[in-house]
């Protein structure tokens, strides 16, 4: 939940722009009508997604709250781009391996092409042609990991409401 920038106490919905203790108005970013998504990030940039926002981060990780829609969208875009880059690197490695092993097979096929029976030659020629034009990189460039926080990107009409007492506002618990 949002906290007062002056005293650190929770700000409930309806109190904004003032804290319950009567402090000066808080900034509008402190008064959000949602429980902000939480991620855990370490110094290397590795990210963990906790099952609940109130969990403590493991050793070496820091807790990061995404408080505004701009922060959420920026994180989704950056994380998606990183996942896409990882996927492309993996695909490139697969392509390098495939080319290495298939070139040996294709070169053997080229040397034995003239010795093949006439009914098998078109198949061998087609295999050589496909091997020369094949590229996994195209598929890697088209890959889109679709990274998003579901609660902020999709309609919630098909999900059950969460009535966990830890997530409910204090005045709703009474």
N, C-alpha and C. Protein backbone atom coordinates (compact mmCIF):
# COMPACT_ATOMS: atom_id res chain seq x y z
N UNK A 1 0.85 -1.19 0.00
CA UNK A 1 0.00 0.00 0.00
C UNK A 1 0.88 1.24 0.00
N UNK A 2 0.34 2.37 -0.33
CA UNK A 2 1.09 3.62 -0.37
C UNK A 2 1.42 4.09 1.04
N UNK A 3 2.55 4.78 1.16
CA UNK A 3 2.96 5.30 2.47
C UNK A 3 3.16 6.80 2.38
N UNK A 4 3.00 7.47 3.51
CA UNK A 4 3.18 8.92 3.59
C UNK A 4 4.67 9.23 3.44
N UNK A 5 4.98 10.21 2.60
CA UNK A 5 6.38 10.57 2.39
C UNK A 5 6.96 11.29 3.61
N UNK A 6 6.11 11.78 4.53
CA UNK A 6 6.60 12.48 5.72
C UNK A 6 6.84 11.54 6.89
N UNK A 7 5.85 10.71 7.20
CA UNK A 7 5.96 9.88 8.40
C UNK A 7 6.10 8.39 8.11
N UNK A 8 5.84 7.96 6.90
CA UNK A 8 5.99 6.55 6.54
C UNK A 8 4.79 5.68 6.85
N UNK A 9 3.69 6.27 7.38
CA UNK A 9 2.49 5.48 7.68
C UNK A 9 1.72 5.20 6.39
N UNK A 10 0.88 4.15 6.44
CA UNK A 10 0.06 3.78 5.27
C UNK A 10 -0.94 4.87 4.94
N UNK A 11 -1.14 5.10 3.67
CA UNK A 11 -2.17 6.03 3.20
C UNK A 11 -3.29 5.19 2.61
N UNK A 12 -4.46 5.28 3.18
CA UNK A 12 -5.61 4.54 2.68
C UNK A 12 -6.29 5.33 1.57
N UNK A 13 -7.00 4.65 0.72
CA UNK A 13 -7.74 5.32 -0.34
C UNK A 13 -8.77 6.23 0.32
N UNK A 14 -8.87 7.45 -0.16
CA UNK A 14 -9.80 8.43 0.40
C UNK A 14 -9.10 9.43 1.29
N UNK A 15 -7.93 9.13 1.78
CA UNK A 15 -7.17 10.07 2.62
C UNK A 15 -6.39 11.06 1.78
N UNK A 16 -6.04 10.66 0.58
CA UNK A 16 -5.21 11.51 -0.26
C UNK A 16 -5.92 12.84 -0.49
N UNK A 17 -5.29 13.97 -0.51
CA UNK A 17 -3.85 14.18 -0.52
C UNK A 17 -3.23 14.31 0.87
N UNK A 18 -3.98 14.02 1.93
CA UNK A 18 -3.44 14.19 3.28
C UNK A 18 -3.26 12.85 3.95
N UNK A 19 -2.23 12.75 4.75
CA UNK A 19 -2.01 11.59 5.61
C UNK A 19 -3.03 11.70 6.76
N UNK A 20 -3.37 10.59 7.42
CA UNK A 20 -4.33 10.62 8.52
C UNK A 20 -3.82 11.47 9.69
N UNK A 21 -2.50 11.65 9.81
CA UNK A 21 -1.94 12.47 10.87
C UNK A 21 -1.92 13.95 10.52
N UNK A 22 -2.46 14.33 9.36
CA UNK A 22 -2.58 15.74 9.00
C UNK A 22 -1.34 16.36 8.42
N UNK A 23 -0.45 15.58 7.88
CA UNK A 23 0.74 16.15 7.25
C UNK A 23 0.36 16.93 6.00
N UNK A 24 1.34 17.58 5.44
CA UNK A 24 1.13 18.30 4.18
C UNK A 24 0.62 17.33 3.12
N UNK A 25 0.02 17.85 2.09
CA UNK A 25 -0.44 16.95 1.01
C UNK A 25 0.72 16.11 0.46
N UNK A 26 0.42 14.85 0.21
CA UNK A 26 1.44 13.98 -0.37
C UNK A 26 1.39 14.09 -1.88
N UNK A 27 2.40 13.58 -2.53
CA UNK A 27 2.39 13.64 -3.99
C UNK A 27 1.36 12.65 -4.52
N UNK A 28 0.88 12.89 -5.72
CA UNK A 28 -0.16 12.03 -6.28
C UNK A 28 0.34 10.62 -6.54
N UNK A 29 1.65 10.44 -6.72
CA UNK A 29 2.17 9.08 -6.96
C UNK A 29 2.07 8.23 -5.71
N UNK A 30 1.96 8.86 -4.52
CA UNK A 30 1.84 8.09 -3.28
C UNK A 30 0.43 7.56 -3.06
N UNK A 31 -0.55 8.14 -3.71
CA UNK A 31 -1.93 7.73 -3.50
C UNK A 31 -2.41 6.93 -4.69
N UNK A 32 -2.16 5.63 -4.67
CA UNK A 32 -2.58 4.76 -5.75
C UNK A 32 -3.73 3.91 -5.28
N UNK A 33 -4.64 3.59 -6.17
CA UNK A 33 -5.79 2.77 -5.83
C UNK A 33 -5.54 1.31 -6.11
N UNK A 34 -4.31 0.87 -6.03
CA UNK A 34 -3.97 -0.52 -6.33
C UNK A 34 -2.83 -0.95 -5.42
N UNK A 35 -2.69 -2.24 -5.30
CA UNK A 35 -1.53 -2.77 -4.61
C UNK A 35 -0.45 -2.89 -5.68
N UNK A 36 0.64 -2.17 -5.53
CA UNK A 36 1.63 -2.17 -6.61
C UNK A 36 2.32 -3.53 -6.77
N UNK A 37 2.56 -3.92 -8.02
CA UNK A 37 3.30 -5.17 -8.24
C UNK A 37 4.71 -5.05 -7.69
N UNK A 38 5.24 -6.16 -7.21
CA UNK A 38 6.56 -6.19 -6.60
C UNK A 38 7.44 -7.17 -7.36
N UNK A 39 8.68 -6.77 -7.58
CA UNK A 39 9.68 -7.67 -8.14
C UNK A 39 10.90 -7.62 -7.23
N UNK A 40 11.71 -8.65 -7.32
CA UNK A 40 12.98 -8.67 -6.60
C UNK A 40 14.08 -8.63 -7.64
N UNK A 41 15.04 -7.70 -7.47
CA UNK A 41 16.13 -7.53 -8.43
C UNK A 41 17.45 -7.56 -7.69
N UNK A 42 18.45 -8.25 -8.27
CA UNK A 42 19.78 -8.26 -7.65
C UNK A 42 20.71 -7.34 -8.43
N UNK A 43 21.96 -7.26 -8.00
CA UNK A 43 22.92 -6.33 -8.62
C UNK A 43 23.24 -6.71 -10.06
N UNK A 44 23.12 -7.99 -10.41
CA UNK A 44 23.39 -8.43 -11.78
C UNK A 44 22.24 -8.10 -12.72
N UNK A 45 21.09 -7.71 -12.16
CA UNK A 45 19.92 -7.41 -12.99
C UNK A 45 18.96 -8.58 -13.11
N UNK A 46 19.26 -9.70 -12.43
CA UNK A 46 18.36 -10.84 -12.45
C UNK A 46 17.09 -10.49 -11.67
N UNK A 47 15.96 -10.99 -12.15
CA UNK A 47 14.67 -10.62 -11.57
C UNK A 47 13.93 -11.86 -11.12
N UNK A 48 13.33 -11.77 -9.93
CA UNK A 48 12.44 -12.81 -9.40
C UNK A 48 11.07 -12.19 -9.22
N UNK A 49 10.03 -12.99 -9.44
CA UNK A 49 8.66 -12.55 -9.24
C UNK A 49 8.09 -13.28 -8.03
N UNK A 50 7.88 -12.57 -6.91
CA UNK A 50 7.34 -13.26 -5.73
C UNK A 50 5.88 -13.60 -5.92
N UNK A 51 5.44 -14.62 -5.21
CA UNK A 51 4.03 -15.01 -5.27
C UNK A 51 3.12 -13.97 -4.64
N UNK A 52 3.63 -13.27 -3.65
CA UNK A 52 2.88 -12.21 -2.97
C UNK A 52 3.81 -11.02 -2.80
N UNK A 53 3.22 -9.84 -2.78
CA UNK A 53 3.99 -8.61 -2.65
C UNK A 53 4.55 -8.36 -1.27
N UNK A 54 4.05 -9.08 -0.26
CA UNK A 54 4.53 -8.83 1.10
C UNK A 54 5.65 -9.80 1.52
N UNK A 55 6.13 -10.61 0.59
CA UNK A 55 7.22 -11.53 0.90
C UNK A 55 8.54 -10.78 0.99
N UNK A 56 9.46 -11.30 1.81
CA UNK A 56 10.79 -10.70 1.93
C UNK A 56 11.67 -11.21 0.79
N UNK A 57 12.51 -10.33 0.25
CA UNK A 57 13.39 -10.78 -0.84
C UNK A 57 14.48 -11.71 -0.33
N UNK A 58 14.92 -12.65 -1.16
CA UNK A 58 16.03 -13.53 -0.74
C UNK A 58 17.33 -12.73 -0.63
N UNK A 59 18.33 -13.33 -0.05
CA UNK A 59 19.61 -12.66 0.15
C UNK A 59 20.18 -12.23 -1.20
N UNK A 60 20.65 -10.99 -1.24
CA UNK A 60 21.25 -10.45 -2.46
C UNK A 60 20.27 -9.75 -3.37
N UNK A 61 18.98 -9.82 -3.08
CA UNK A 61 17.96 -9.19 -3.90
C UNK A 61 17.35 -8.02 -3.15
N UNK A 62 16.91 -7.01 -3.88
CA UNK A 62 16.20 -5.90 -3.27
C UNK A 62 14.77 -5.87 -3.78
N UNK A 63 13.89 -5.40 -2.97
CA UNK A 63 12.47 -5.31 -3.30
C UNK A 63 12.24 -4.04 -4.11
N UNK A 64 11.53 -4.16 -5.23
CA UNK A 64 11.20 -3.02 -6.08
C UNK A 64 9.70 -3.01 -6.31
N UNK A 65 9.06 -1.90 -5.93
CA UNK A 65 7.63 -1.73 -6.17
C UNK A 65 7.44 -0.90 -7.43
N UNK A 66 6.53 -1.34 -8.29
CA UNK A 66 6.19 -0.59 -9.49
C UNK A 66 4.91 0.19 -9.16
N UNK A 67 5.05 1.48 -8.85
CA UNK A 67 3.95 2.25 -8.28
C UNK A 67 3.05 2.93 -9.31
N UNK A 68 3.54 3.20 -10.50
CA UNK A 68 2.71 3.90 -11.50
C UNK A 68 2.57 3.03 -12.73
N UNK A 69 1.56 3.34 -13.54
CA UNK A 69 1.37 2.60 -14.78
C UNK A 69 2.56 2.80 -15.71
N UNK A 70 3.17 3.98 -15.67
CA UNK A 70 4.35 4.23 -16.51
C UNK A 70 5.50 3.30 -16.10
N UNK A 71 5.71 3.14 -14.80
CA UNK A 71 6.76 2.23 -14.33
C UNK A 71 6.45 0.79 -14.73
N UNK A 72 5.19 0.40 -14.61
CA UNK A 72 4.78 -0.96 -14.97
C UNK A 72 5.03 -1.21 -16.45
N UNK A 73 4.56 -0.31 -17.31
CA UNK A 73 4.73 -0.47 -18.76
C UNK A 73 6.22 -0.44 -19.14
N UNK A 74 7.00 0.42 -18.50
CA UNK A 74 8.44 0.49 -18.80
C UNK A 74 9.10 -0.84 -18.43
N UNK A 75 8.75 -1.38 -17.26
CA UNK A 75 9.32 -2.66 -16.84
C UNK A 75 8.92 -3.77 -17.81
N UNK A 76 7.64 -3.82 -18.19
CA UNK A 76 7.18 -4.85 -19.12
C UNK A 76 7.97 -4.79 -20.43
N UNK A 77 8.17 -3.58 -20.94
CA UNK A 77 8.89 -3.42 -22.20
C UNK A 77 10.36 -3.84 -22.06
N UNK A 78 11.03 -3.37 -21.00
CA UNK A 78 12.44 -3.71 -20.79
C UNK A 78 12.62 -5.21 -20.57
N UNK A 79 11.76 -5.81 -19.74
CA UNK A 79 11.88 -7.24 -19.46
C UNK A 79 11.58 -8.04 -20.72
N UNK A 80 10.58 -7.62 -21.50
CA UNK A 80 10.25 -8.30 -22.76
C UNK A 80 11.40 -8.23 -23.75
N UNK A 81 12.03 -7.06 -23.86
CA UNK A 81 13.17 -6.92 -24.77
C UNK A 81 14.33 -7.81 -24.33
N UNK A 82 14.56 -7.90 -23.03
CA UNK A 82 15.64 -8.76 -22.52
C UNK A 82 15.35 -10.23 -22.82
N UNK A 83 14.09 -10.65 -22.63
CA UNK A 83 13.72 -12.03 -22.92
C UNK A 83 13.85 -12.32 -24.42
N UNK A 84 13.48 -11.35 -25.25
CA UNK A 84 13.60 -11.52 -26.69
C UNK A 84 15.08 -11.66 -27.08
N UNK A 85 15.95 -10.84 -26.48
CA UNK A 85 17.38 -10.91 -26.78
C UNK A 85 17.94 -12.28 -26.38
N UNK A 86 17.54 -12.78 -25.20
CA UNK A 86 18.00 -14.10 -24.75
C UNK A 86 17.56 -15.18 -25.74
N UNK A 87 16.31 -15.08 -26.19
CA UNK A 87 15.78 -16.06 -27.13
C UNK A 87 16.55 -16.02 -28.45
N UNK A 88 16.83 -14.81 -28.94
CA UNK A 88 17.57 -14.67 -30.19
C UNK A 88 18.97 -15.24 -30.06
N UNK A 89 19.63 -15.01 -28.92
CA UNK A 89 20.96 -15.58 -28.69
C UNK A 89 20.91 -17.10 -28.73
N UNK A 90 19.89 -17.67 -28.10
CA UNK A 90 19.74 -19.12 -28.08
C UNK A 90 19.50 -19.65 -29.49
N UNK A 91 18.66 -18.96 -30.25
CA UNK A 91 18.37 -19.38 -31.62
C UNK A 91 19.62 -19.29 -32.49
N UNK A 92 20.42 -18.23 -32.30
CA UNK A 92 21.65 -18.09 -33.08
C UNK A 92 22.61 -19.24 -32.78
N UNK A 93 22.71 -19.61 -31.51
CA UNK A 93 23.57 -20.73 -31.13
C UNK A 93 23.08 -22.02 -31.77
N UNK A 94 21.77 -22.24 -31.77
CA UNK A 94 21.21 -23.42 -32.42
C UNK A 94 21.53 -23.41 -33.91
N UNK A 95 21.43 -22.24 -34.52
CA UNK A 95 21.72 -22.13 -35.95
C UNK A 95 23.19 -22.46 -36.24
N UNK A 96 24.08 -21.97 -35.40
CA UNK A 96 25.50 -22.25 -35.59
C UNK A 96 25.76 -23.76 -35.48
N UNK A 97 25.15 -24.39 -34.49
CA UNK A 97 25.31 -25.84 -34.34
C UNK A 97 24.74 -26.58 -35.55
N UNK A 98 23.54 -26.17 -35.96
CA UNK A 98 22.88 -26.81 -37.09
C UNK A 98 23.71 -26.67 -38.36
N UNK A 99 24.21 -25.48 -38.60
CA UNK A 99 25.02 -25.26 -39.80
C UNK A 99 26.27 -26.12 -39.74
N UNK A 100 26.91 -26.19 -38.60
CA UNK A 100 28.14 -26.99 -38.46
C UNK A 100 27.89 -28.46 -38.81
N UNK A 101 26.84 -29.03 -38.20
CA UNK A 101 26.58 -30.45 -38.43
C UNK A 101 25.93 -30.72 -39.78
N UNK A 102 25.05 -29.84 -40.22
CA UNK A 102 24.37 -30.09 -41.49
C UNK A 102 25.30 -29.85 -42.67
N UNK A 103 26.26 -28.95 -42.55
CA UNK A 103 27.20 -28.72 -43.66
C UNK A 103 27.99 -29.99 -43.95
N UNK A 104 28.35 -30.69 -42.90
CA UNK A 104 29.07 -31.94 -43.12
C UNK A 104 28.20 -32.94 -43.87
N UNK A 105 26.94 -33.03 -43.47
CA UNK A 105 26.02 -33.97 -44.14
C UNK A 105 25.75 -33.52 -45.57
N UNK A 106 25.53 -32.22 -45.75
CA UNK A 106 25.22 -31.69 -47.08
C UNK A 106 26.43 -31.84 -48.01
N UNK A 107 27.63 -31.58 -47.49
CA UNK A 107 28.82 -31.74 -48.34
C UNK A 107 28.99 -33.21 -48.75
N UNK A 108 28.67 -34.14 -47.85
CA UNK A 108 28.69 -35.56 -48.21
C UNK A 108 27.64 -35.87 -49.27
N UNK A 109 26.47 -35.25 -49.12
CA UNK A 109 25.40 -35.45 -50.09
C UNK A 109 25.79 -34.91 -51.46
N UNK A 110 26.46 -33.75 -51.48
CA UNK A 110 26.90 -33.17 -52.76
C UNK A 110 27.91 -34.08 -53.46
N UNK A 111 28.81 -34.65 -52.70
CA UNK A 111 29.82 -35.52 -53.33
C UNK A 111 29.20 -36.82 -53.85
N UNK A 112 28.16 -37.30 -53.19
CA UNK A 112 27.54 -38.55 -53.63
C UNK A 112 26.33 -38.33 -54.53
N UNK A 113 26.02 -37.09 -54.86
CA UNK A 113 24.82 -36.78 -55.67
C UNK A 113 24.86 -37.49 -57.01
N UNK A 114 26.00 -37.50 -57.67
CA UNK A 114 26.09 -38.13 -59.00
C UNK A 114 25.98 -39.65 -58.92
N UNK A 115 26.29 -40.22 -57.77
CA UNK A 115 26.22 -41.68 -57.63
C UNK A 115 24.85 -42.17 -57.18
N UNK A 116 23.96 -41.23 -56.84
CA UNK A 116 22.61 -41.62 -56.39
C UNK A 116 21.78 -42.11 -57.58
N UNK A 117 20.82 -42.99 -57.30
CA UNK A 117 19.92 -43.42 -58.38
C UNK A 117 19.11 -42.22 -58.88
N UNK A 118 18.73 -42.20 -60.14
CA UNK A 118 18.01 -41.05 -60.71
C UNK A 118 16.71 -40.70 -59.98
N UNK A 119 16.04 -41.65 -59.41
CA UNK A 119 14.79 -41.34 -58.71
C UNK A 119 15.02 -40.63 -57.37
N UNK A 120 16.25 -40.69 -56.80
CA UNK A 120 16.55 -40.03 -55.53
C UNK A 120 17.25 -38.68 -55.71
N UNK A 121 17.74 -38.41 -56.89
CA UNK A 121 18.48 -37.16 -57.12
C UNK A 121 17.64 -35.91 -56.85
N UNK A 122 16.36 -35.84 -57.29
CA UNK A 122 15.58 -34.62 -57.01
C UNK A 122 15.44 -34.35 -55.50
N UNK A 123 15.30 -35.41 -54.72
CA UNK A 123 15.19 -35.25 -53.27
C UNK A 123 16.49 -34.69 -52.68
N UNK A 124 17.62 -35.22 -53.14
CA UNK A 124 18.91 -34.74 -52.66
C UNK A 124 19.15 -33.29 -53.07
N UNK A 125 18.78 -32.95 -54.31
CA UNK A 125 18.94 -31.56 -54.78
C UNK A 125 18.07 -30.61 -53.97
N UNK A 126 16.86 -31.04 -53.66
CA UNK A 126 15.96 -30.20 -52.85
C UNK A 126 16.52 -30.04 -51.44
N UNK A 127 17.08 -31.09 -50.86
CA UNK A 127 17.67 -31.00 -49.52
C UNK A 127 18.85 -30.03 -49.53
N UNK A 128 19.67 -30.08 -50.55
CA UNK A 128 20.80 -29.15 -50.67
C UNK A 128 20.31 -27.72 -50.81
N UNK A 129 19.29 -27.53 -51.64
CA UNK A 129 18.73 -26.19 -51.84
C UNK A 129 18.14 -25.63 -50.54
N UNK A 130 17.41 -26.45 -49.80
CA UNK A 130 16.82 -26.00 -48.53
C UNK A 130 17.89 -25.69 -47.49
N UNK A 131 18.95 -26.49 -47.47
CA UNK A 131 20.03 -26.24 -46.52
C UNK A 131 20.74 -24.94 -46.82
N UNK A 132 20.86 -24.59 -48.10
CA UNK A 132 21.52 -23.34 -48.48
C UNK A 132 20.68 -22.11 -48.13
N UNK A 133 19.35 -22.26 -48.11
CA UNK A 133 18.49 -21.10 -47.87
C UNK A 133 17.91 -21.03 -46.46
N UNK A 134 18.20 -22.01 -45.63
CA UNK A 134 17.59 -22.09 -44.31
C UNK A 134 18.22 -21.10 -43.32
N UNK A 135 17.36 -20.47 -42.51
CA UNK A 135 17.84 -19.57 -41.48
C UNK A 135 16.88 -19.56 -40.31
N UNK A 136 17.37 -19.88 -39.13
CA UNK A 136 16.55 -19.82 -37.92
C UNK A 136 16.44 -18.37 -37.43
N UNK A 137 17.37 -17.54 -37.87
CA UNK A 137 17.40 -16.16 -37.39
C UNK A 137 16.11 -15.41 -37.68
N UNK A 138 15.44 -15.72 -38.77
CA UNK A 138 14.19 -15.05 -39.11
C UNK A 138 13.15 -15.33 -38.03
N UNK A 139 13.05 -16.57 -37.61
CA UNK A 139 12.10 -16.93 -36.56
C UNK A 139 12.48 -16.25 -35.25
N UNK A 140 13.77 -16.13 -34.99
CA UNK A 140 14.23 -15.49 -33.75
C UNK A 140 13.86 -14.02 -33.74
N UNK A 141 13.93 -13.36 -34.88
CA UNK A 141 13.58 -11.94 -34.94
C UNK A 141 12.08 -11.72 -34.76
N UNK A 142 11.26 -12.69 -35.16
CA UNK A 142 9.81 -12.55 -35.04
C UNK A 142 9.29 -12.89 -33.65
N UNK A 143 10.12 -13.50 -32.82
CA UNK A 143 9.71 -13.94 -31.49
C UNK A 143 9.30 -12.75 -30.63
N UNK A 144 8.15 -12.88 -29.96
CA UNK A 144 7.68 -11.84 -29.04
C UNK A 144 7.24 -12.52 -27.75
N UNK A 145 7.94 -12.27 -26.62
CA UNK A 145 7.62 -12.98 -25.39
C UNK A 145 6.32 -12.56 -24.71
N UNK A 146 5.69 -11.47 -25.11
CA UNK A 146 4.41 -11.01 -24.53
C UNK A 146 4.49 -10.89 -23.01
N UNK A 147 5.36 -10.04 -22.52
CA UNK A 147 5.53 -9.83 -21.09
C UNK A 147 4.52 -8.79 -20.62
N UNK A 148 3.74 -9.13 -19.59
CA UNK A 148 2.79 -8.17 -19.03
C UNK A 148 2.36 -8.62 -17.64
N UNK A 149 1.91 -7.66 -16.86
CA UNK A 149 1.25 -7.96 -15.59
C UNK A 149 -0.23 -8.10 -15.93
N UNK A 150 -0.75 -9.29 -15.76
CA UNK A 150 -2.10 -9.61 -16.21
C UNK A 150 -3.15 -8.66 -15.65
N UNK A 151 -3.03 -8.29 -14.39
CA UNK A 151 -4.03 -7.44 -13.76
C UNK A 151 -4.11 -6.05 -14.40
N UNK A 152 -3.04 -5.61 -15.05
CA UNK A 152 -3.02 -4.28 -15.65
C UNK A 152 -3.20 -4.32 -17.16
N UNK A 153 -3.26 -5.51 -17.74
CA UNK A 153 -3.33 -5.62 -19.19
C UNK A 153 -4.58 -6.31 -19.71
N UNK A 154 -5.25 -7.13 -18.89
CA UNK A 154 -6.41 -7.87 -19.35
C UNK A 154 -7.62 -7.58 -18.46
N UNK A 155 -8.78 -7.82 -19.01
CA UNK A 155 -10.03 -7.64 -18.29
C UNK A 155 -10.13 -8.69 -17.18
N UNK A 156 -10.52 -8.27 -16.00
CA UNK A 156 -10.57 -9.17 -14.85
C UNK A 156 -11.91 -9.90 -14.72
N UNK A 157 -12.79 -9.78 -15.71
CA UNK A 157 -14.12 -10.37 -15.59
C UNK A 157 -14.08 -11.90 -15.53
N UNK A 158 -13.02 -12.52 -15.97
CA UNK A 158 -12.97 -13.98 -15.96
C UNK A 158 -12.17 -14.53 -14.79
N UNK A 159 -11.77 -13.68 -13.84
CA UNK A 159 -11.01 -14.13 -12.68
C UNK A 159 -11.84 -13.92 -11.42
N UNK A 160 -11.61 -14.81 -10.44
CA UNK A 160 -12.28 -14.64 -9.16
C UNK A 160 -11.61 -13.52 -8.38
N UNK A 161 -12.39 -12.88 -7.55
CA UNK A 161 -11.88 -11.80 -6.72
C UNK A 161 -11.00 -12.37 -5.61
N UNK A 162 -9.95 -11.66 -5.28
CA UNK A 162 -9.06 -12.08 -4.20
C UNK A 162 -9.55 -11.43 -2.91
N UNK A 163 -9.95 -12.23 -1.93
CA UNK A 163 -10.44 -11.71 -0.66
C UNK A 163 -9.48 -12.02 0.48
N UNK A 164 -8.21 -12.02 0.20
CA UNK A 164 -7.21 -12.25 1.23
C UNK A 164 -7.19 -11.05 2.17
N UNK A 165 -7.31 -11.29 3.46
CA UNK A 165 -7.39 -10.20 4.44
C UNK A 165 -6.15 -9.31 4.40
N UNK A 166 -5.00 -9.85 4.01
CA UNK A 166 -3.79 -9.04 3.96
C UNK A 166 -3.84 -8.01 2.83
N UNK A 167 -4.68 -8.23 1.81
CA UNK A 167 -4.77 -7.32 0.68
C UNK A 167 -5.90 -6.30 0.81
N UNK A 168 -6.82 -6.55 1.71
CA UNK A 168 -7.99 -5.67 1.83
C UNK A 168 -7.63 -4.42 2.62
N UNK A 169 -8.25 -3.33 2.28
CA UNK A 169 -8.05 -2.10 3.04
C UNK A 169 -8.58 -2.28 4.45
N UNK A 170 -8.02 -1.55 5.39
CA UNK A 170 -8.39 -1.73 6.78
C UNK A 170 -9.88 -1.46 7.01
N UNK A 171 -10.41 -0.44 6.38
CA UNK A 171 -11.82 -0.12 6.62
C UNK A 171 -12.75 -1.15 5.99
N UNK A 172 -12.28 -1.94 4.99
CA UNK A 172 -13.08 -3.00 4.39
C UNK A 172 -13.11 -4.25 5.27
N UNK A 173 -12.13 -4.40 6.16
CA UNK A 173 -12.05 -5.58 7.02
C UNK A 173 -13.01 -5.52 8.17
N UNK A 174 -13.47 -4.34 8.53
CA UNK A 174 -14.33 -4.17 9.71
C UNK A 174 -15.67 -4.79 9.53
